[in-house]
Amino acid sequence: MVWVMPLAAVLLTFGIVVVALHHGNRNEEMRHRERMAAIDKNLELPDSFWKRPLPNPQALLLRGLIWLAVGIGIALLSVGMWLAEGRTDNEMLAVGTVGVIPIGVGVAYLVVRRVEGQKGVGG
């Protein structure tokens, strides 16, 4: 019965990744159809059409904070459960290390936001 929570976490993560990839693929397919329709009609597309837009700094900040909060939440939940069980189940602490992954993603988003913000100000 102990395996139910980790299995649910893995399946939920897998489902989120599949949905995100499907959504991104659908957006790319729509951009491709738009390009092909413009080529068929001999229309000239602006240069900005061919470049992928970067997310704005507020979106990067929000993503970073969300990932960071999720990672900290996972870690704190695991430590709390470990304390509630009388510090006997050390596997719960091991599950808490899974929180390091979203923490790392959140920090990466925050670093990218910081770097992009400095490029915008200085350059």
N, C-alpha and C. Protein backbone atom coordinates (compact mmCIF):
# COMPACT_ATOMS: atom_id res chain seq x y z
N MET A 1 0.81 -1.19 0.00
CA MET A 1 0.00 0.00 0.00
C MET A 1 0.86 1.26 0.00
N VAL A 2 2.11 1.13 0.40
CA VAL A 2 3.02 2.28 0.46
C VAL A 2 3.35 2.76 -0.95
N TRP A 3 3.25 1.92 -1.94
CA TRP A 3 3.63 2.26 -3.31
C TRP A 3 2.59 3.09 -4.04
N VAL A 4 1.41 3.29 -3.46
CA VAL A 4 0.33 3.99 -4.15
C VAL A 4 0.67 5.47 -4.37
N MET A 5 1.19 6.14 -3.35
CA MET A 5 1.51 7.58 -3.49
C MET A 5 2.61 7.82 -4.52
N PRO A 6 3.73 7.12 -4.47
CA PRO A 6 4.74 7.35 -5.51
C PRO A 6 4.24 7.03 -6.91
N LEU A 7 3.45 5.98 -7.04
CA LEU A 7 2.90 5.63 -8.35
C LEU A 7 1.96 6.72 -8.85
N ALA A 8 1.11 7.24 -7.97
CA ALA A 8 0.20 8.32 -8.36
C ALA A 8 0.99 9.56 -8.76
N ALA A 9 2.05 9.87 -8.04
CA ALA A 9 2.86 11.04 -8.36
C ALA A 9 3.52 10.88 -9.73
N VAL A 10 4.03 9.70 -10.02
CA VAL A 10 4.68 9.46 -11.30
C VAL A 10 3.66 9.53 -12.43
N LEU A 11 2.50 8.93 -12.25
CA LEU A 11 1.47 8.95 -13.29
C LEU A 11 0.94 10.37 -13.52
N LEU A 12 0.77 11.13 -12.46
CA LEU A 12 0.31 12.51 -12.61
C LEU A 12 1.35 13.34 -13.34
N THR A 13 2.60 13.18 -12.98
CA THR A 13 3.68 13.90 -13.66
C THR A 13 3.73 13.52 -15.14
N PHE A 14 3.64 12.24 -15.43
CA PHE A 14 3.63 11.77 -16.81
C PHE A 14 2.46 12.37 -17.58
N GLY A 15 1.29 12.40 -16.96
CA GLY A 15 0.12 12.96 -17.62
C GLY A 15 0.29 14.45 -17.92
N ILE A 16 0.85 15.19 -16.98
CA ILE A 16 1.08 16.62 -17.20
C ILE A 16 2.05 16.83 -18.34
N VAL A 17 3.12 16.04 -18.39
CA VAL A 17 4.10 16.17 -19.47
C VAL A 17 3.46 15.85 -20.82
N VAL A 18 2.66 14.81 -20.89
CA VAL A 18 2.00 14.44 -22.15
C VAL A 18 1.07 15.55 -22.62
N VAL A 19 0.30 16.12 -21.71
CA VAL A 19 -0.62 17.20 -22.08
C VAL A 19 0.17 18.42 -22.55
N ALA A 20 1.25 18.77 -21.86
CA ALA A 20 2.06 19.93 -22.26
C ALA A 20 2.69 19.71 -23.63
N LEU A 21 3.21 18.53 -23.87
CA LEU A 21 3.82 18.24 -25.17
C LEU A 21 2.78 18.27 -26.29
N HIS A 22 1.60 17.74 -26.01
CA HIS A 22 0.53 17.76 -27.01
C HIS A 22 0.12 19.19 -27.34
N HIS A 23 0.00 20.01 -26.32
CA HIS A 23 -0.38 21.42 -26.52
C HIS A 23 0.68 22.14 -27.35
N GLY A 24 1.95 21.95 -27.03
CA GLY A 24 3.02 22.59 -27.79
C GLY A 24 3.06 22.10 -29.23
N ASN A 25 2.85 20.82 -29.42
CA ASN A 25 2.84 20.25 -30.77
C ASN A 25 1.69 20.81 -31.58
N ARG A 26 0.54 20.98 -30.95
CA ARG A 26 -0.61 21.53 -31.65
C ARG A 26 -0.36 22.99 -32.06
N ASN A 27 0.28 23.75 -31.19
CA ASN A 27 0.61 25.14 -31.54
C ASN A 27 1.59 25.19 -32.71
N GLU A 28 2.58 24.33 -32.70
CA GLU A 28 3.55 24.28 -33.82
C GLU A 28 2.86 23.88 -35.12
N GLU A 29 1.93 22.96 -35.03
CA GLU A 29 1.20 22.53 -36.22
C GLU A 29 0.36 23.67 -36.79
N MET A 30 -0.24 24.46 -35.92
CA MET A 30 -1.02 25.61 -36.39
C MET A 30 -0.11 26.65 -37.05
N ARG A 31 1.06 26.90 -36.48
CA ARG A 31 2.01 27.84 -37.09
C ARG A 31 2.47 27.32 -38.45
N HIS A 32 2.68 26.02 -38.54
CA HIS A 32 3.10 25.43 -39.81
C HIS A 32 2.01 25.59 -40.87
N ARG A 33 0.77 25.34 -40.50
CA ARG A 33 -0.34 25.51 -41.45
C ARG A 33 -0.44 26.95 -41.92
N GLU A 34 -0.22 27.88 -40.99
CA GLU A 34 -0.27 29.29 -41.34
C GLU A 34 0.84 29.64 -42.33
N ARG A 35 2.03 29.13 -42.09
CA ARG A 35 3.15 29.34 -43.03
C ARG A 35 2.83 28.78 -44.40
N MET A 36 2.31 27.55 -44.42
CA MET A 36 2.02 26.91 -45.70
C MET A 36 0.92 27.66 -46.47
N ALA A 37 -0.08 28.16 -45.76
CA ALA A 37 -1.13 28.92 -46.42
C ALA A 37 -0.57 30.22 -47.00
N ALA A 38 0.34 30.86 -46.28
CA ALA A 38 0.96 32.09 -46.80
C ALA A 38 1.83 31.80 -48.01
N ILE A 39 2.54 30.69 -47.99
CA ILE A 39 3.37 30.31 -49.14
C ILE A 39 2.50 30.00 -50.34
N ASP A 40 1.39 29.30 -50.12
CA ASP A 40 0.47 28.98 -51.23
C ASP A 40 -0.10 30.23 -51.88
N LYS A 41 -0.32 31.27 -51.07
CA LYS A 41 -0.90 32.51 -51.59
C LYS A 41 0.17 33.51 -52.01
N ASN A 42 1.43 33.09 -51.99
CA ASN A 42 2.56 33.96 -52.34
C ASN A 42 2.60 35.24 -51.51
N LEU A 43 2.26 35.13 -50.25
CA LEU A 43 2.33 36.28 -49.35
C LEU A 43 3.70 36.34 -48.71
N GLU A 44 4.17 37.53 -48.45
CA GLU A 44 5.45 37.68 -47.77
C GLU A 44 5.18 37.87 -46.28
N LEU A 45 5.83 37.05 -45.48
CA LEU A 45 5.63 37.11 -44.03
C LEU A 45 6.70 38.01 -43.41
N PRO A 46 6.35 38.73 -42.36
CA PRO A 46 7.36 39.56 -41.69
C PRO A 46 8.41 38.69 -41.00
N ASP A 47 9.59 39.27 -40.76
CA ASP A 47 10.67 38.52 -40.11
C ASP A 47 10.27 38.06 -38.71
N SER A 48 9.44 38.84 -38.04
CA SER A 48 9.04 38.47 -36.68
C SER A 48 8.21 37.18 -36.67
N PHE A 49 7.61 36.84 -37.80
CA PHE A 49 6.80 35.61 -37.85
C PHE A 49 7.68 34.38 -37.70
N TRP A 50 8.90 34.42 -38.19
CA TRP A 50 9.76 33.25 -38.20
C TRP A 50 10.47 33.03 -36.87
N LYS A 51 10.47 34.02 -36.02
CA LYS A 51 11.12 33.90 -34.71
C LYS A 51 10.11 33.51 -33.67
N ARG A 52 10.53 32.64 -32.77
CA ARG A 52 9.65 32.27 -31.67
C ARG A 52 9.67 33.38 -30.63
N PRO A 53 8.51 33.78 -30.17
CA PRO A 53 8.49 34.83 -29.14
C PRO A 53 8.97 34.27 -27.80
N LEU A 54 9.79 35.06 -27.11
CA LEU A 54 10.24 34.68 -25.78
C LEU A 54 9.16 35.01 -24.77
N PRO A 55 9.02 34.20 -23.73
CA PRO A 55 8.04 34.56 -22.70
C PRO A 55 8.46 35.86 -22.02
N ASN A 56 7.47 36.64 -21.62
CA ASN A 56 7.80 37.89 -20.96
C ASN A 56 8.37 37.63 -19.57
N PRO A 57 9.09 38.59 -19.01
CA PRO A 57 9.73 38.36 -17.70
C PRO A 57 8.75 38.01 -16.59
N GLN A 58 7.53 38.57 -16.65
CA GLN A 58 6.56 38.23 -15.61
C GLN A 58 6.15 36.76 -15.68
N ALA A 59 6.04 36.23 -16.90
CA ALA A 59 5.69 34.82 -17.05
C ALA A 59 6.81 33.93 -16.52
N LEU A 60 8.07 34.33 -16.79
CA LEU A 60 9.20 33.56 -16.27
C LEU A 60 9.23 33.60 -14.75
N LEU A 61 8.96 34.77 -14.18
CA LEU A 61 8.92 34.90 -12.72
C LEU A 61 7.83 34.02 -12.13
N LEU A 62 6.65 34.07 -12.72
CA LEU A 62 5.54 33.27 -12.22
C LEU A 62 5.85 31.78 -12.31
N ARG A 63 6.37 31.34 -13.46
CA ARG A 63 6.71 29.92 -13.61
C ARG A 63 7.76 29.50 -12.58
N GLY A 64 8.77 30.35 -12.41
CA GLY A 64 9.82 30.03 -11.45
C GLY A 64 9.30 29.91 -10.04
N LEU A 65 8.45 30.85 -9.65
CA LEU A 65 7.91 30.81 -8.29
C LEU A 65 6.98 29.62 -8.09
N ILE A 66 6.20 29.28 -9.10
CA ILE A 66 5.30 28.12 -8.98
C ILE A 66 6.11 26.84 -8.81
N TRP A 67 7.11 26.63 -9.68
CA TRP A 67 7.94 25.43 -9.57
C TRP A 67 8.66 25.37 -8.23
N LEU A 68 9.18 26.51 -7.80
CA LEU A 68 9.87 26.56 -6.52
C LEU A 68 8.93 26.21 -5.37
N ALA A 69 7.72 26.76 -5.39
CA ALA A 69 6.75 26.47 -4.34
C ALA A 69 6.34 25.01 -4.35
N VAL A 70 6.16 24.43 -5.52
CA VAL A 70 5.79 23.01 -5.60
C VAL A 70 6.90 22.13 -5.01
N GLY A 71 8.14 22.43 -5.37
CA GLY A 71 9.26 21.65 -4.84
C GLY A 71 9.38 21.77 -3.34
N ILE A 72 9.26 22.98 -2.83
CA ILE A 72 9.33 23.17 -1.37
C ILE A 72 8.15 22.48 -0.70
N GLY A 73 6.98 22.54 -1.32
CA GLY A 73 5.81 21.87 -0.76
C GLY A 73 5.98 20.36 -0.68
N ILE A 74 6.54 19.78 -1.72
CA ILE A 74 6.79 18.33 -1.71
C ILE A 74 7.75 17.97 -0.60
N ALA A 75 8.83 18.73 -0.49
CA ALA A 75 9.83 18.45 0.53
C ALA A 75 9.24 18.63 1.93
N LEU A 76 8.50 19.70 2.15
CA LEU A 76 7.91 19.93 3.48
C LEU A 76 6.86 18.89 3.82
N LEU A 77 6.06 18.49 2.84
CA LEU A 77 5.07 17.44 3.08
C LEU A 77 5.74 16.15 3.52
N SER A 78 6.81 15.79 2.84
CA SER A 78 7.51 14.55 3.19
C SER A 78 8.13 14.63 4.57
N VAL A 79 8.74 15.77 4.89
CA VAL A 79 9.33 15.93 6.23
C VAL A 79 8.23 15.91 7.29
N GLY A 80 7.11 16.57 7.01
CA GLY A 80 5.99 16.57 7.95
C GLY A 80 5.44 15.17 8.19
N MET A 81 5.32 14.40 7.13
CA MET A 81 4.84 13.02 7.29
C MET A 81 5.85 12.18 8.06
N TRP A 82 7.12 12.44 7.81
CA TRP A 82 8.18 11.71 8.52
C TRP A 82 8.11 12.03 10.02
N LEU A 83 7.91 13.30 10.36
CA LEU A 83 7.80 13.69 11.77
C LEU A 83 6.53 13.12 12.39
N ALA A 84 5.43 13.10 11.65
CA ALA A 84 4.16 12.59 12.17
C ALA A 84 4.22 11.10 12.44
N GLU A 85 5.03 10.38 11.68
CA GLU A 85 5.14 8.94 11.88
C GLU A 85 6.17 8.58 12.94
N GLY A 86 6.65 9.57 13.65
CA GLY A 86 7.58 9.28 14.74
C GLY A 86 9.00 9.06 14.28
N ARG A 87 9.35 9.56 13.14
CA ARG A 87 10.72 9.48 12.61
C ARG A 87 11.21 8.04 12.45
N THR A 88 10.30 7.16 12.14
CA THR A 88 10.69 5.76 11.97
C THR A 88 10.80 5.37 10.50
N ASP A 89 10.06 6.04 9.65
CA ASP A 89 10.01 5.67 8.23
C ASP A 89 10.95 6.58 7.44
N ASN A 90 12.20 6.15 7.28
CA ASN A 90 13.19 6.97 6.59
C ASN A 90 12.94 7.05 5.08
N GLU A 91 12.11 6.16 4.55
CA GLU A 91 11.78 6.25 3.13
C GLU A 91 11.02 7.54 2.81
N MET A 92 10.30 8.06 3.81
CA MET A 92 9.56 9.30 3.60
C MET A 92 10.52 10.45 3.35
N LEU A 93 11.67 10.44 4.00
CA LEU A 93 12.68 11.47 3.74
C LEU A 93 13.24 11.31 2.33
N ALA A 94 13.39 10.09 1.88
CA ALA A 94 13.89 9.85 0.52
C ALA A 94 12.89 10.38 -0.50
N VAL A 95 11.60 10.23 -0.24
CA VAL A 95 10.58 10.75 -1.14
C VAL A 95 10.67 12.28 -1.17
N GLY A 96 11.03 12.88 -0.07
CA GLY A 96 11.16 14.32 0.00
C GLY A 96 12.22 14.88 -0.92
N THR A 97 13.21 14.05 -1.25
CA THR A 97 14.26 14.53 -2.16
C THR A 97 13.73 14.72 -3.58
N VAL A 98 12.57 14.16 -3.89
CA VAL A 98 11.95 14.39 -5.20
C VAL A 98 11.63 15.87 -5.37
N GLY A 99 11.41 16.57 -4.26
CA GLY A 99 11.14 17.99 -4.31
C GLY A 99 12.29 18.81 -4.86
N VAL A 100 13.49 18.23 -4.89
CA VAL A 100 14.64 18.95 -5.43
C VAL A 100 14.47 19.19 -6.93
N ILE A 101 13.78 18.32 -7.63
CA ILE A 101 13.61 18.47 -9.08
C ILE A 101 12.82 19.73 -9.41
N PRO A 102 11.60 19.91 -8.89
CA PRO A 102 10.90 21.16 -9.21
C PRO A 102 11.59 22.39 -8.63
N ILE A 103 12.30 22.25 -7.52
CA ILE A 103 13.06 23.39 -6.99
C ILE A 103 14.11 23.80 -8.01
N GLY A 104 14.79 22.84 -8.60
CA GLY A 104 15.80 23.15 -9.62
C GLY A 104 15.20 23.81 -10.85
N VAL A 105 14.03 23.34 -11.28
CA VAL A 105 13.37 23.95 -12.44
C VAL A 105 12.97 25.38 -12.11
N GLY A 106 12.44 25.59 -10.92
CA GLY A 106 12.04 26.94 -10.51
C GLY A 106 13.23 27.89 -10.45
N VAL A 107 14.33 27.42 -9.90
CA VAL A 107 15.54 28.25 -9.83
C VAL A 107 16.03 28.57 -11.25
N ALA A 108 15.96 27.59 -12.15
CA ALA A 108 16.39 27.82 -13.53
C ALA A 108 15.54 28.91 -14.19
N TYR A 109 14.22 28.87 -13.99
CA TYR A 109 13.35 29.91 -14.54
C TYR A 109 13.71 31.28 -13.96
N LEU A 110 13.97 31.33 -12.67
CA LEU A 110 14.31 32.60 -12.04
C LEU A 110 15.65 33.13 -12.55
N VAL A 111 16.60 32.23 -12.79
CA VAL A 111 17.90 32.66 -13.34
C VAL A 111 17.72 33.19 -14.76
N VAL A 112 16.92 32.50 -15.57
CA VAL A 112 16.68 32.97 -16.95
C VAL A 112 15.99 34.33 -16.92
N ARG A 113 15.05 34.51 -16.03
CA ARG A 113 14.38 35.80 -15.93
C ARG A 113 15.37 36.88 -15.56
N ARG A 114 16.26 36.58 -14.63
CA ARG A 114 17.26 37.56 -14.20
C ARG A 114 18.19 37.93 -15.36
N VAL A 115 18.65 36.92 -16.09
CA VAL A 115 19.57 37.15 -17.21
C VAL A 115 18.88 37.92 -18.33
N GLU A 116 17.65 37.53 -18.67
CA GLU A 116 16.91 38.22 -19.73
C GLU A 116 16.60 39.65 -19.31
N GLY A 117 16.30 39.85 -18.02
CA GLY A 117 16.03 41.20 -17.53
C GLY A 117 17.25 42.09 -17.64
N GLN A 118 18.44 41.53 -17.38
CA GLN A 118 19.66 42.31 -17.49
C GLN A 118 19.98 42.61 -18.94
N LYS A 119 19.67 41.70 -19.85
CA LYS A 119 19.88 41.97 -21.28
C LYS A 119 19.00 43.11 -21.74
N GLY A 120 17.74 43.11 -21.27
CA GLY A 120 16.80 44.15 -21.66
C GLY A 120 17.20 45.52 -21.15
N VAL A 121 17.78 45.59 -19.95
CA VAL A 121 18.16 46.86 -19.35
C VAL A 121 19.46 47.36 -19.95
N GLY A 122 20.46 46.46 -20.05
CA GLY A 122 21.77 46.87 -20.49
C GLY A 122 21.93 46.90 -21.99
N GLY A 123 21.16 46.11 -22.74
CA GLY A 123 21.40 46.01 -24.16
C GLY A 123 20.26 46.49 -24.90
